[in-house]
Amino acid sequence: DRELGIFVQNDGYLDKELKTIDDIPAEEMPINQHWSWDRILRS
């Protein structure tokens, strides 16, 4: 992505809701033990 000056993680990554880990409630960490894999992959 020339505008951001980064290499893109994968196709469609920049179309996701680009939150940060600060947006994850502490009680939901680690997310692999609290979220479904579908939710993780969509994030």
PDB file of all heavy atoms in Angstrom:
ATOM      1  N   ASP A   1       0.872  -1.173   0.000  1.00  0.00           N
ATOM      2  CA  ASP A   1       0.000   0.000   0.000  1.00  0.00           C
ATOM      3  C   ASP A   1       0.907   1.221   0.000  1.00  0.00           C
ATOM      4  O   ASP A   1       1.547   1.535   1.003  1.00  0.00           O
ATOM      5  CB  ASP A   1      -0.921   0.010   1.218  1.00  0.00           C
ATOM      6  CG  ASP A   1      -1.937   1.141   1.157  1.00  0.00           C
ATOM      7  OD1 ASP A   1      -1.535   2.304   1.355  1.00  0.00           O
ATOM      8  OD2 ASP A   1      -3.125   0.862   0.910  1.00  0.00           O
ATOM      9  N   ARG A   2       0.996   1.878  -1.147  1.00  0.00           N
ATOM     10  CA  ARG A   2       1.929   2.994  -1.304  1.00  0.00           C
ATOM     11  C   ARG A   2       1.578   4.158  -0.390  1.00  0.00           C
ATOM     12  O   ARG A   2       2.456   4.858   0.120  1.00  0.00           O
ATOM     13  CB  ARG A   2       1.925   3.460  -2.771  1.00  0.00           C
ATOM     14  CG  ARG A   2       2.307   2.387  -3.772  1.00  0.00           C
ATOM     15  CD  ARG A   2       3.781   2.086  -3.711  1.00  0.00           C
ATOM     16  NE  ARG A   2       4.177   1.111  -4.739  1.00  0.00           N
ATOM     17  CZ  ARG A   2       5.418   0.693  -4.927  1.00  0.00           C
ATOM     18  NH1 ARG A   2       6.384   1.160  -4.161  1.00  0.00           N
ATOM     19  NH2 ARG A   2       5.695  -0.196  -5.872  1.00  0.00           N
ATOM     20  N   GLU A   3       0.280   4.379  -0.181  1.00  0.00           N
ATOM     21  CA  GLU A   3      -0.140   5.513   0.640  1.00  0.00           C
ATOM     22  C   GLU A   3       0.283   5.326   2.096  1.00  0.00           C
ATOM     23  O   GLU A   3       0.791   6.255   2.738  1.00  0.00           O
ATOM     24  CB  GLU A   3      -1.661   5.684   0.559  1.00  0.00           C
ATOM     25  CG  GLU A   3      -2.168   6.900   1.308  1.00  0.00           C
ATOM     26  CD  GLU A   3      -3.666   7.118   1.107  1.00  0.00           C
ATOM     27  OE1 GLU A   3      -4.240   6.543   0.169  1.00  0.00           O
ATOM     28  OE2 GLU A   3      -4.250   7.870   1.919  1.00  0.00           O
ATOM     29  N   LEU A   4       0.089   4.113   2.615  1.00  0.00           N
ATOM     30  CA  LEU A   4       0.488   3.823   3.995  1.00  0.00           C
ATOM     31  C   LEU A   4       1.975   3.500   4.102  1.00  0.00           C
ATOM     32  O   LEU A   4       2.549   3.557   5.181  1.00  0.00           O
ATOM     33  CB  LEU A   4      -0.329   2.648   4.547  1.00  0.00           C
ATOM     34  CG  LEU A   4      -1.826   2.887   4.744  1.00  0.00           C
ATOM     35  CD1 LEU A   4      -2.521   1.592   5.150  1.00  0.00           C
ATOM     36  CD2 LEU A   4      -2.068   3.972   5.793  1.00  0.00           C
ATOM     37  N   GLY A   5       2.575   3.118   2.970  1.00  0.00           N
ATOM     38  CA  GLY A   5       3.989   2.764   2.970  1.00  0.00           C
ATOM     39  C   GLY A   5       4.260   1.438   3.648  1.00  0.00           C
ATOM     40  O   GLY A   5       5.301   1.264   4.285  1.00  0.00           O
ATOM     41  N   ILE A   6       3.319   0.491   3.497  1.00  0.00           N
ATOM     42  CA  ILE A   6       3.465  -0.804   4.157  1.00  0.00           C
ATOM     43  C   ILE A   6       3.298  -1.944   3.155  1.00  0.00           C
ATOM     44  O   ILE A   6       2.728  -1.769   2.078  1.00  0.00           O
ATOM     45  CB  ILE A   6       2.443  -0.991   5.293  1.00  0.00           C
ATOM     46  CG1 ILE A   6       1.015  -0.989   4.722  1.00  0.00           C
ATOM     47  CG2 ILE A   6       2.614   0.071   6.361  1.00  0.00           C
ATOM     48  CD1 ILE A   6      -0.046  -1.419   5.716  1.00  0.00           C
ATOM     49  N   PHE A   7       3.807  -3.113   3.532  1.00  0.00           N
ATOM     50  CA  PHE A   7       3.499  -4.348   2.818  1.00  0.00           C
ATOM     51  C   PHE A   7       2.193  -4.883   3.392  1.00  0.00           C
ATOM     52  O   PHE A   7       1.999  -4.883   4.611  1.00  0.00           O
ATOM     53  CB  PHE A   7       4.620  -5.375   2.995  1.00  0.00           C
ATOM     54  CG  PHE A   7       5.932  -4.908   2.462  1.00  0.00           C
ATOM     55  CD1 PHE A   7       6.937  -4.485   3.325  1.00  0.00           C
ATOM     56  CD2 PHE A   7       6.171  -4.865   1.097  1.00  0.00           C
ATOM     57  CE1 PHE A   7       8.156  -4.040   2.844  1.00  0.00           C
ATOM     58  CE2 PHE A   7       7.389  -4.414   0.592  1.00  0.00           C
ATOM     59  CZ  PHE A   7       8.383  -3.999   1.470  1.00  0.00           C
ATOM     60  N   VAL A   8       1.298  -5.327   2.520  1.00  0.00           N
ATOM     61  CA  VAL A   8      -0.036  -5.730   2.959  1.00  0.00           C
ATOM     62  C   VAL A   8      -0.025  -7.178   3.434  1.00  0.00           C
ATOM     63  O   VAL A   8       0.481  -8.066   2.744  1.00  0.00           O
ATOM     64  CB  VAL A   8      -1.062  -5.540   1.827  1.00  0.00           C
ATOM     65  CG1 VAL A   8      -2.458  -5.952   2.303  1.00  0.00           C
ATOM     66  CG2 VAL A   8      -1.074  -4.087   1.358  1.00  0.00           C
ATOM     67  N   GLN A   9      -0.582  -7.397   4.611  1.00  0.00           N
ATOM     68  CA  GLN A   9      -0.623  -8.716   5.237  1.00  0.00           C
ATOM     69  C   GLN A   9      -1.201  -9.779   4.303  1.00  0.00           C
ATOM     70  O   GLN A   9      -0.634 -10.850   4.123  1.00  0.00           O
ATOM     71  CB  GLN A   9      -1.453  -8.618   6.510  1.00  0.00           C
ATOM     72  CG  GLN A   9      -1.798  -9.920   7.193  1.00  0.00           C
ATOM     73  CD  GLN A   9      -0.727 -10.378   8.154  1.00  0.00           C
ATOM     74  OE1 GLN A   9       0.267  -9.707   8.358  1.00  0.00           O
ATOM     75  NE2 GLN A   9      -0.931 -11.528   8.753  1.00  0.00           N
ATOM     76  N   ASN A  10      -2.331  -9.483   3.723  1.00  0.00           N
ATOM     77  CA  ASN A  10      -2.962 -10.380   2.739  1.00  0.00           C
ATOM     78  C   ASN A  10      -4.042  -9.600   2.010  1.00  0.00           C
ATOM     79  O   ASN A  10      -4.490  -8.547   2.476  1.00  0.00           O
ATOM     80  CB  ASN A  10      -3.557 -11.631   3.414  1.00  0.00           C
ATOM     81  CG  ASN A  10      -4.549 -11.282   4.505  1.00  0.00           C
ATOM     82  OD1 ASN A  10      -4.189 -11.165   5.670  1.00  0.00           O
ATOM     83  ND2 ASN A  10      -5.814 -11.089   4.131  1.00  0.00           N
ATOM     84  N   ASP A  11      -4.454 -10.109   0.864  1.00  0.00           N
ATOM     85  CA  ASP A  11      -5.523  -9.443   0.112  1.00  0.00           C
ATOM     86  C   ASP A  11      -6.758  -9.286   0.988  1.00  0.00           C
ATOM     87  O   ASP A  11      -7.205 -10.240   1.642  1.00  0.00           O
ATOM     88  CB  ASP A  11      -5.885 -10.258  -1.139  1.00  0.00           C
ATOM     89  CG  ASP A  11      -4.886 -10.056  -2.265  1.00  0.00           C
ATOM     90  OD1 ASP A  11      -4.081  -9.119  -2.182  1.00  0.00           O
ATOM     91  OD2 ASP A  11      -4.915 -10.851  -3.232  1.00  0.00           O
ATOM     92  N   GLY A  12      -7.298  -8.085   1.005  1.00  0.00           N
ATOM     93  CA  GLY A  12      -8.499  -7.826   1.780  1.00  0.00           C
ATOM     94  C   GLY A  12      -8.233  -7.381   3.205  1.00  0.00           C
ATOM     95  O   GLY A  12      -9.175  -6.982   3.908  1.00  0.00           O
ATOM     96  N   TYR A  13      -6.979  -7.425   3.633  1.00  0.00           N
ATOM     97  CA  TYR A  13      -6.693  -7.058   5.023  1.00  0.00           C
ATOM     98  C   TYR A  13      -7.088  -5.621   5.327  1.00  0.00           C
ATOM     99  O   TYR A  13      -7.686  -5.334   6.369  1.00  0.00           O
ATOM    100  CB  TYR A  13      -5.215  -7.267   5.352  1.00  0.00           C
ATOM    101  CG  TYR A  13      -4.895  -6.943   6.793  1.00  0.00           C
ATOM    102  CD1 TYR A  13      -5.125  -7.882   7.795  1.00  0.00           C
ATOM    103  CD2 TYR A  13      -4.391  -5.697   7.168  1.00  0.00           C
ATOM    104  CE1 TYR A  13      -4.868  -7.585   9.131  1.00  0.00           C
ATOM    105  CE2 TYR A  13      -4.129  -5.393   8.488  1.00  0.00           C
ATOM    106  CZ  TYR A  13      -4.372  -6.340   9.466  1.00  0.00           C
ATOM    107  OH  TYR A  13      -4.125  -6.029  10.780  1.00  0.00           O
ATOM    108  N   LEU A  14      -6.786  -4.715   4.415  1.00  0.00           N
ATOM    109  CA  LEU A  14      -7.065  -3.305   4.666  1.00  0.00           C
ATOM    110  C   LEU A  14      -8.552  -2.981   4.565  1.00  0.00           C
ATOM    111  O   LEU A  14      -8.965  -1.864   4.899  1.00  0.00           O
ATOM    112  CB  LEU A  14      -6.261  -2.432   3.694  1.00  0.00           C
ATOM    113  CG  LEU A  14      -4.741  -2.512   3.847  1.00  0.00           C
ATOM    114  CD1 LEU A  14      -4.052  -1.614   2.835  1.00  0.00           C
ATOM    115  CD2 LEU A  14      -4.304  -2.158   5.267  1.00  0.00           C
ATOM    116  N   ASP A  15      -9.365  -3.939   4.114  1.00  0.00           N
ATOM    117  CA  ASP A  15     -10.816  -3.748   4.070  1.00  0.00           C
ATOM    118  C   ASP A  15     -11.473  -4.108   5.402  1.00  0.00           C
ATOM    119  O   ASP A  15     -12.664  -3.854   5.607  1.00  0.00           O
ATOM    120  CB  ASP A  15     -11.436  -4.603   2.966  1.00  0.00           C
ATOM    121  CG  ASP A  15     -10.947  -4.191   1.582  1.00  0.00           C
ATOM    122  OD1 ASP A  15     -10.662  -2.994   1.393  1.00  0.00           O
ATOM    123  OD2 ASP A  15     -10.837  -5.065   0.707  1.00  0.00           O
ATOM    124  N   LYS A  16     -10.688  -4.716   6.309  1.00  0.00           N
ATOM    125  CA  LYS A  16     -11.223  -5.061   7.626  1.00  0.00           C
ATOM    126  C   LYS A  16     -11.374  -3.813   8.485  1.00  0.00           C
ATOM    127  O   LYS A  16     -10.837  -2.744   8.163  1.00  0.00           O
ATOM    128  CB  LYS A  16     -10.294  -6.060   8.324  1.00  0.00           C
ATOM    129  CG  LYS A  16     -10.134  -7.406   7.620  1.00  0.00           C
ATOM    130  CD  LYS A  16      -9.119  -8.272   8.346  1.00  0.00           C
ATOM    131  CE  LYS A  16      -8.889  -9.597   7.633  1.00  0.00           C
ATOM    132  NZ  LYS A  16     -10.039 -10.515   7.806  1.00  0.00           N
ATOM    133  N   GLU A  17     -12.107  -3.941   9.593  1.00  0.00           N
ATOM    134  CA  GLU A  17     -12.198  -2.859  10.553  1.00  0.00           C
ATOM    135  C   GLU A  17     -10.876  -2.819  11.315  1.00  0.00           C
ATOM    136  O   GLU A  17     -10.578  -3.709  12.111  1.00  0.00           O
ATOM    137  CB  GLU A  17     -13.363  -3.090  11.515  1.00  0.00           C
ATOM    138  CG  GLU A  17     -13.625  -1.922  12.431  1.00  0.00           C
ATOM    139  CD  GLU A  17     -14.853  -2.135  13.303  1.00  0.00           C
ATOM    140  OE1 GLU A  17     -15.392  -3.265  13.309  1.00  0.00           O
ATOM    141  OE2 GLU A  17     -15.253  -1.185  14.004  1.00  0.00           O
ATOM    142  N   LEU A  18     -10.072  -1.800  11.050  1.00  0.00           N
ATOM    143  CA  LEU A  18      -8.698  -1.763  11.540  1.00  0.00           C
ATOM    144  C   LEU A  18      -8.615  -1.222  12.964  1.00  0.00           C
ATOM    145  O   LEU A  18      -8.145  -0.109  13.217  1.00  0.00           O
ATOM    146  CB  LEU A  18      -7.826  -0.940  10.586  1.00  0.00           C
ATOM    147  CG  LEU A  18      -7.727  -1.513   9.164  1.00  0.00           C
ATOM    148  CD1 LEU A  18      -6.922  -0.576   8.268  1.00  0.00           C
ATOM    149  CD2 LEU A  18      -7.089  -2.894   9.199  1.00  0.00           C
ATOM    150  N   LYS A  19      -9.052  -2.064  13.910  1.00  0.00           N
ATOM    151  CA  LYS A  19      -8.944  -1.724  15.319  1.00  0.00           C
ATOM    152  C   LYS A  19      -7.551  -2.090  15.824  1.00  0.00           C
ATOM    153  O   LYS A  19      -6.728  -2.626  15.097  1.00  0.00           O
ATOM    154  CB  LYS A  19     -10.013  -2.478  16.114  1.00  0.00           C
ATOM    155  CG  LYS A  19     -11.442  -2.082  15.782  1.00  0.00           C
ATOM    156  CD  LYS A  19     -12.421  -2.841  16.679  1.00  0.00           C
ATOM    157  CE  LYS A  19     -13.848  -2.406  16.431  1.00  0.00           C
ATOM    158  NZ  LYS A  19     -14.809  -3.125  17.332  1.00  0.00           N
ATOM    159  N   THR A  20      -7.286  -1.798  17.096  1.00  0.00           N
ATOM    160  CA  THR A  20      -6.027  -2.207  17.718  1.00  0.00           C
ATOM    161  C   THR A  20      -6.342  -3.108  18.914  1.00  0.00           C
ATOM    162  O   THR A  20      -7.512  -3.227  19.328  1.00  0.00           O
ATOM    163  CB  THR A  20      -5.199  -1.001  18.191  1.00  0.00           C
ATOM    164  OG1 THR A  20      -5.864  -0.392  19.303  1.00  0.00           O
ATOM    165  CG2 THR A  20      -5.034   0.013  17.065  1.00  0.00           C
ATOM    166  N   ILE A  21      -5.313  -3.712  19.486  1.00  0.00           N
ATOM    167  CA  ILE A  21      -5.543  -4.623  20.609  1.00  0.00           C
ATOM    168  C   ILE A  21      -6.089  -3.883  21.832  1.00  0.00           C
ATOM    169  O   ILE A  21      -6.671  -4.510  22.721  1.00  0.00           O
ATOM    170  CB  ILE A  21      -4.252  -5.387  20.984  1.00  0.00           C
ATOM    171  CG1 ILE A  21      -3.115  -4.421  21.306  1.00  0.00           C
ATOM    172  CG2 ILE A  21      -3.853  -6.343  19.877  1.00  0.00           C
ATOM    173  CD1 ILE A  21      -1.855  -5.112  21.796  1.00  0.00           C
ATOM    174  N   ASP A  22      -5.946  -2.557  21.874  1.00  0.00           N
ATOM    175  CA  ASP A  22      -6.521  -1.779  22.980  1.00  0.00           C
ATOM    176  C   ASP A  22      -8.046  -1.823  22.959  1.00  0.00           C
ATOM    177  O   ASP A  22      -8.692  -1.498  23.965  1.00  0.00           O
ATOM    178  CB  ASP A  22      -6.044  -0.324  22.915  1.00  0.00           C
ATOM    179  CG  ASP A  22      -4.554  -0.187  23.199  1.00  0.00           C
ATOM    180  OD1 ASP A  22      -4.005  -1.068  23.894  1.00  0.00           O
ATOM    181  OD2 ASP A  22      -3.942   0.778  22.713  1.00  0.00           O
ATOM    182  N   ASP A  23      -8.621  -2.201  21.817  1.00  0.00           N
ATOM    183  CA  ASP A  23     -10.073  -2.282  21.703  1.00  0.00           C
ATOM    184  C   ASP A  23     -10.627  -3.624  22.180  1.00  0.00           C
ATOM    185  O   ASP A  23     -11.847  -3.817  22.203  1.00  0.00           O
ATOM    186  CB  ASP A  23     -10.498  -2.055  20.239  1.00  0.00           C
ATOM    187  CG  ASP A  23     -10.157  -0.658  19.754  1.00  0.00           C
ATOM    188  OD1 ASP A  23     -10.485   0.309  20.462  1.00  0.00           O
ATOM    189  OD2 ASP A  23      -9.547  -0.532  18.669  1.00  0.00           O
ATOM    190  N   ILE A  24      -9.745  -4.559  22.552  1.00  0.00           N
ATOM    191  CA  ILE A  24     -10.193  -5.878  23.016  1.00  0.00           C
ATOM    192  C   ILE A  24     -10.341  -5.837  24.537  1.00  0.00           C
ATOM    193  O   ILE A  24      -9.379  -5.511  25.249  1.00  0.00           O
ATOM    194  CB  ILE A  24      -9.180  -6.973  22.628  1.00  0.00           C
ATOM    195  CG1 ILE A  24      -8.928  -6.973  21.121  1.00  0.00           C
ATOM    196  CG2 ILE A  24      -9.699  -8.341  23.067  1.00  0.00           C
ATOM    197  CD1 ILE A  24      -7.835  -7.940  20.688  1.00  0.00           C
ATOM    198  N   PRO A  25     -11.505  -6.156  25.086  1.00  0.00           N
ATOM    199  CA  PRO A  25     -11.672  -6.194  26.542  1.00  0.00           C
ATOM    200  C   PRO A  25     -10.688  -7.177  27.178  1.00  0.00           C
ATOM    201  O   PRO A  25     -10.435  -8.252  26.627  1.00  0.00           O
ATOM    202  CB  PRO A  25     -13.119  -6.662  26.719  1.00  0.00           C
ATOM    203  CG  PRO A  25     -13.804  -6.295  25.433  1.00  0.00           C
ATOM    204  CD  PRO A  25     -12.766  -6.463  24.371  1.00  0.00           C
ATOM    205  N   ALA A  26     -10.133  -6.822  28.306  1.00  0.00           N
ATOM    206  CA  ALA A  26      -9.122  -7.648  28.963  1.00  0.00           C
ATOM    207  C   ALA A  26      -9.638  -9.047  29.265  1.00  0.00           C
ATOM    208  O   ALA A  26      -8.893 -10.028  29.175  1.00  0.00           O
ATOM    209  CB  ALA A  26      -8.658  -6.966  30.255  1.00  0.00           C
ATOM    210  N   GLU A  27     -10.926  -9.160  29.599  1.00  0.00           N
ATOM    211  CA  GLU A  27     -11.478 -10.461  29.951  1.00  0.00           C
ATOM    212  C   GLU A  27     -11.643 -11.375  28.730  1.00  0.00           C
ATOM    213  O   GLU A  27     -11.954 -12.563  28.880  1.00  0.00           O
ATOM    214  CB  GLU A  27     -12.829 -10.302  30.662  1.00  0.00           C
ATOM    215  CG  GLU A  27     -13.921  -9.648  29.835  1.00  0.00           C
ATOM    216  CD  GLU A  27     -13.934  -8.122  29.953  1.00  0.00           C
ATOM    217  OE1 GLU A  27     -12.920  -7.562  30.434  1.00  0.00           O
ATOM    218  OE2 GLU A  27     -14.954  -7.524  29.584  1.00  0.00           O
ATOM    219  N   GLU A  28     -11.429 -10.829  27.519  1.00  0.00           N
ATOM    220  CA  GLU A  28     -11.541 -11.642  26.303  1.00  0.00           C
ATOM    221  C   GLU A  28     -10.180 -12.050  25.741  1.00  0.00           C
ATOM    222  O   GLU A  28     -10.081 -12.602  24.652  1.00  0.00           O
ATOM    223  CB  GLU A  28     -12.339 -10.884  25.236  1.00  0.00           C
ATOM    224  CG  GLU A  28     -13.784 -10.632  25.646  1.00  0.00           C
ATOM    225  CD  GLU A  28     -14.582  -9.905  24.580  1.00  0.00           C
ATOM    226  OE1 GLU A  28     -14.112  -9.836  23.423  1.00  0.00           O
ATOM    227  OE2 GLU A  28     -15.682  -9.398  24.897  1.00  0.00           O
ATOM    228  N   MET A  29      -9.145 -11.791  26.507  1.00  0.00           N
ATOM    229  CA  MET A  29      -7.790 -12.196  26.115  1.00  0.00           C
ATOM    230  C   MET A  29      -7.380 -13.452  26.866  1.00  0.00           C
ATOM    231  O   MET A  29      -7.703 -13.580  28.045  1.00  0.00           O
ATOM    232  CB  MET A  29      -6.805 -11.062  26.404  1.00  0.00           C
ATOM    233  CG  MET A  29      -7.062  -9.799  25.611  1.00  0.00           C
ATOM    234  SD  MET A  29      -6.622  -9.949  23.872  1.00  0.00           S
ATOM    235  CE  MET A  29      -4.833  -9.784  23.980  1.00  0.00           C
ATOM    236  N   PRO A  30      -6.643 -14.394  26.233  1.00  0.00           N
ATOM    237  CA  PRO A  30      -6.313 -14.415  24.806  1.00  0.00           C
ATOM    238  C   PRO A  30      -7.543 -14.743  23.957  1.00  0.00           C
ATOM    239  O   PRO A  30      -8.375 -15.558  24.365  1.00  0.00           O
ATOM    240  CB  PRO A  30      -5.255 -15.519  24.718  1.00  0.00           C
ATOM    241  CG  PRO A  30      -5.546 -16.423  25.869  1.00  0.00           C
ATOM    242  CD  PRO A  30      -6.068 -15.545  26.956  1.00  0.00           C
ATOM    243  N   ILE A  31      -7.624 -14.100  22.806  1.00  0.00           N
ATOM    244  CA  ILE A  31      -8.852 -14.230  22.009  1.00  0.00           C
ATOM    245  C   ILE A  31      -9.043 -15.639  21.460  1.00  0.00           C
ATOM    246  O   ILE A  31     -10.168 -16.047  21.180  1.00  0.00           O
ATOM    247  CB  ILE A  31      -8.888 -13.199  20.867  1.00  0.00           C
ATOM    248  CG1 ILE A  31      -7.720 -13.391  19.895  1.00  0.00           C
ATOM    249  CG2 ILE A  31      -8.913 -11.788  21.406  1.00  0.00           C
ATOM    250  CD1 ILE A  31      -7.802 -12.478  18.661  1.00  0.00           C
ATOM    251  N   ASN A  32      -7.950 -16.412  21.305  1.00  0.00           N
ATOM    252  CA  ASN A  32      -8.120 -17.761  20.761  1.00  0.00           C
ATOM    253  C   ASN A  32      -8.822 -18.695  21.746  1.00  0.00           C
ATOM    254  O   ASN A  32      -9.200 -19.800  21.390  1.00  0.00           O
ATOM    255  CB  ASN A  32      -6.784 -18.356  20.303  1.00  0.00           C
ATOM    256  CG  ASN A  32      -5.798 -18.567  21.444  1.00  0.00           C
ATOM    257  OD1 ASN A  32      -6.186 -18.816  22.581  1.00  0.00           O
ATOM    258  ND2 ASN A  32      -4.515 -18.479  21.147  1.00  0.00           N
ATOM    259  N   GLN A  33      -8.997 -18.227  23.002  1.00  0.00           N
ATOM    260  CA  GLN A  33      -9.722 -19.026  23.986  1.00  0.00           C
ATOM    261  C   GLN A  33     -11.099 -18.450  24.313  1.00  0.00           C
ATOM    262  O   GLN A  33     -11.834 -19.016  25.130  1.00  0.00           O
ATOM    263  CB  GLN A  33      -8.878 -19.150  25.260  1.00  0.00           C
ATOM    264  CG  GLN A  33      -7.573 -19.886  25.046  1.00  0.00           C
ATOM    265  CD  GLN A  33      -6.685 -19.874  26.272  1.00  0.00           C
ATOM    266  OE1 GLN A  33      -7.157 -19.680  27.399  1.00  0.00           O
ATOM    267  NE2 GLN A  33      -5.382 -20.070  26.065  1.00  0.00           N
ATOM    268  N   HIS A  34     -11.436 -17.328  23.663  1.00  0.00           N
ATOM    269  CA  HIS A  34     -12.709 -16.686  23.954  1.00  0.00           C
ATOM    270  C   HIS A  34     -13.539 -16.398  22.703  1.00  0.00           C
ATOM    271  O   HIS A  34     -14.761 -16.229  22.812  1.00  0.00           O
ATOM    272  CB  HIS A  34     -12.480 -15.367  24.711  1.00  0.00           C
ATOM    273  CG  HIS A  34     -11.914 -15.545  26.080  1.00  0.00           C
ATOM    274  ND1 HIS A  34     -10.557 -15.628  26.324  1.00  0.00           N
ATOM    275  CD2 HIS A  34     -12.510 -15.688  27.291  1.00  0.00           C
ATOM    276  CE1 HIS A  34     -10.339 -15.789  27.625  1.00  0.00           C
ATOM    277  NE2 HIS A  34     -11.509 -15.828  28.235  1.00  0.00           N
ATOM    278  N   TRP A  35     -12.894 -16.295  21.556  1.00  0.00           N
ATOM    279  CA  TRP A  35     -13.613 -16.012  20.308  1.00  0.00           C
ATOM    280  C   TRP A  35     -13.664 -17.261  19.445  1.00  0.00           C
ATOM    281  O   TRP A  35     -12.799 -18.134  19.527  1.00  0.00           O
ATOM    282  CB  TRP A  35     -12.904 -14.914  19.527  1.00  0.00           C
ATOM    283  CG  TRP A  35     -12.922 -13.553  20.157  1.00  0.00           C
ATOM    284  CD1 TRP A  35     -13.327 -13.220  21.432  1.00  0.00           C
ATOM    285  CD2 TRP A  35     -12.507 -12.341  19.544  1.00  0.00           C
ATOM    286  NE1 TRP A  35     -13.179 -11.878  21.650  1.00  0.00           N
ATOM    287  CE2 TRP A  35     -12.682 -11.304  20.500  1.00  0.00           C
ATOM    288  CE3 TRP A  35     -12.009 -12.005  18.291  1.00  0.00           C
ATOM    289  CZ2 TRP A  35     -12.379  -9.977  20.230  1.00  0.00           C
ATOM    290  CZ3 TRP A  35     -11.697 -10.677  18.019  1.00  0.00           C
ATOM    291  CH2 TRP A  35     -11.882  -9.671  18.980  1.00  0.00           C
ATOM    292  N   SER A  36     -14.666 -17.307  18.588  1.00  0.00           N
ATOM    293  CA  SER A  36     -14.705 -18.363  17.579  1.00  0.00           C
ATOM    294  C   SER A  36     -13.663 -18.054  16.516  1.00  0.00           C
ATOM    295  O   SER A  36     -13.277 -16.892  16.317  1.00  0.00           O
ATOM    296  CB  SER A  36     -16.089 -18.432  16.933  1.00  0.00           C
ATOM    297  OG  SER A  36     -16.316 -17.265  16.146  1.00  0.00           O
ATOM    298  N   TRP A  37     -13.204 -19.096  15.820  1.00  0.00           N
ATOM    299  CA  TRP A  37     -12.215 -18.868  14.771  1.00  0.00           C
ATOM    300  C   TRP A  37     -12.793 -18.026  13.647  1.00  0.00           C
ATOM    301  O   TRP A  37     -12.086 -17.256  12.996  1.00  0.00           O
ATOM    302  CB  TRP A  37     -11.687 -20.203  14.236  1.00  0.00           C
ATOM    303  CG  TRP A  37     -10.609 -20.747  15.110  1.00  0.00           C
ATOM    304  CD1 TRP A  37     -10.672 -21.824  15.941  1.00  0.00           C
ATOM    305  CD2 TRP A  37      -9.294 -20.197  15.281  1.00  0.00           C
ATOM    306  NE1 TRP A  37      -9.489 -21.989  16.619  1.00  0.00           N
ATOM    307  CE2 TRP A  37      -8.621 -21.007  16.230  1.00  0.00           C
ATOM    308  CE3 TRP A  37      -8.631 -19.105  14.739  1.00  0.00           C
ATOM    309  CZ2 TRP A  37      -7.323 -20.757  16.643  1.00  0.00           C
ATOM    310  CZ3 TRP A  37      -7.320 -18.854  15.153  1.00  0.00           C
ATOM    311  CH2 TRP A  37      -6.687 -19.672  16.084  1.00  0.00           C
ATOM    312  N   ASP A  38     -14.091 -18.144  13.413  1.00  0.00           N
ATOM    313  CA  ASP A  38     -14.729 -17.314  12.390  1.00  0.00           C
ATOM    314  C   ASP A  38     -14.595 -15.835  12.747  1.00  0.00           C
ATOM    315  O   ASP A  38     -14.259 -15.005  11.907  1.00  0.00           O
ATOM    316  CB  ASP A  38     -16.205 -17.702  12.255  1.00  0.00           C
ATOM    317  CG  ASP A  38     -16.930 -16.809  11.262  1.00  0.00           C
ATOM    318  OD1 ASP A  38     -16.616 -16.902  10.062  1.00  0.00           O
ATOM    319  OD2 ASP A  38     -17.794 -16.014  11.689  1.00  0.00           O
ATOM    320  N   ARG A  39     -14.834 -15.521  14.006  1.00  0.00           N
ATOM    321  CA  ARG A  39     -14.718 -14.128  14.446  1.00  0.00           C
ATOM    322  C   ARG A  39     -13.273 -13.655  14.376  1.00  0.00           C
ATOM    323  O   ARG A  39     -13.002 -12.518  13.951  1.00  0.00           O
ATOM    324  CB  ARG A  39     -15.249 -13.988  15.869  1.00  0.00           C
ATOM    325  CG  ARG A  39     -15.212 -12.555  16.384  1.00  0.00           C
ATOM    326  CD  ARG A  39     -15.705 -12.477  17.824  1.00  0.00           C
ATOM    327  NE  ARG A  39     -15.643 -11.100  18.314  1.00  0.00           N
ATOM    328  CZ  ARG A  39     -15.881 -10.742  19.584  1.00  0.00           C
ATOM    329  NH1 ARG A  39     -16.206 -11.674  20.476  1.00  0.00           N
ATOM    330  NH2 ARG A  39     -15.791  -9.466  19.943  1.00  0.00           N
ATOM    331  N   ILE A  40     -12.346 -14.507  14.782  1.00  0.00           N
ATOM    332  CA  ILE A  40     -10.930 -14.136  14.731  1.00  0.00           C
ATOM    333  C   ILE A  40     -10.497 -13.851  13.303  1.00  0.00           C
ATOM    334  O   ILE A  40      -9.824 -12.848  13.023  1.00  0.00           O
ATOM    335  CB  ILE A  40     -10.062 -15.248  15.349  1.00  0.00           C
ATOM    336  CG1 ILE A  40     -10.312 -15.355  16.861  1.00  0.00           C
ATOM    337  CG2 ILE A  40      -8.572 -14.981  15.077  1.00  0.00           C
ATOM    338  CD1 ILE A  40      -9.617 -16.519  17.527  1.00  0.00           C
ATOM    339  N   LEU A  41     -10.874 -14.716  12.368  1.00  0.00           N
ATOM    340  CA  LEU A  41     -10.443 -14.571  10.974  1.00  0.00           C
ATOM    341  C   LEU A  41     -11.092 -13.366  10.304  1.00  0.00           C
ATOM    342  O   LEU A  41     -10.532 -12.803   9.361  1.00  0.00           O
ATOM    343  CB  LEU A  41     -10.748 -15.846  10.195  1.00  0.00           C
ATOM    344  CG  LEU A  41      -9.946 -17.082  10.628  1.00  0.00           C
ATOM    345  CD1 LEU A  41     -10.421 -18.319   9.882  1.00  0.00           C
ATOM    346  CD2 LEU A  41      -8.460 -16.864  10.398  1.00  0.00           C
ATOM    347  N   ARG A  42     -12.269 -12.978  10.770  1.00  0.00           N
ATOM    348  CA  ARG A  42     -12.915 -11.787  10.209  1.00  0.00           C
ATOM    349  C   ARG A  42     -12.331 -10.503  10.777  1.00  0.00           C
ATOM    350  O   ARG A  42     -12.520  -9.430  10.198  1.00  0.00           O
ATOM    351  CB  ARG A  42     -14.423 -11.840  10.467  1.00  0.00           C
ATOM    352  CG  ARG A  42     -15.175 -12.792   9.539  1.00  0.00           C
ATOM    353  CD  ARG A  42     -16.688 -12.703   9.706  1.00  0.00           C
ATOM    354  NE  ARG A  42     -17.152 -13.315  10.949  1.00  0.00           N
ATOM    355  CZ  ARG A  42     -17.585 -12.643  12.008  1.00  0.00           C
ATOM    356  NH1 ARG A  42     -17.598 -11.312  11.993  1.00  0.00           N
ATOM    357  NH2 ARG A  42     -17.993 -13.272  13.097  1.00  0.00           N
ATOM    358  N   SER A  43     -11.643 -10.610  11.908  1.00  0.00           N
ATOM    359  CA  SER A  43     -11.063  -9.421  12.542  1.00  0.00           C
ATOM    360  C   SER A  43      -9.725  -9.072  11.892  1.00  0.00           C
ATOM    361  O   SER A  43      -9.181  -9.820  11.075  1.00  0.00           O
ATOM    362  CB  SER A  43     -10.850  -9.678  14.039  1.00  0.00           C
ATOM    363  OG  SER A  43      -9.702 -10.494  14.249  1.00  0.00           O
TER     364      SER A  43
END
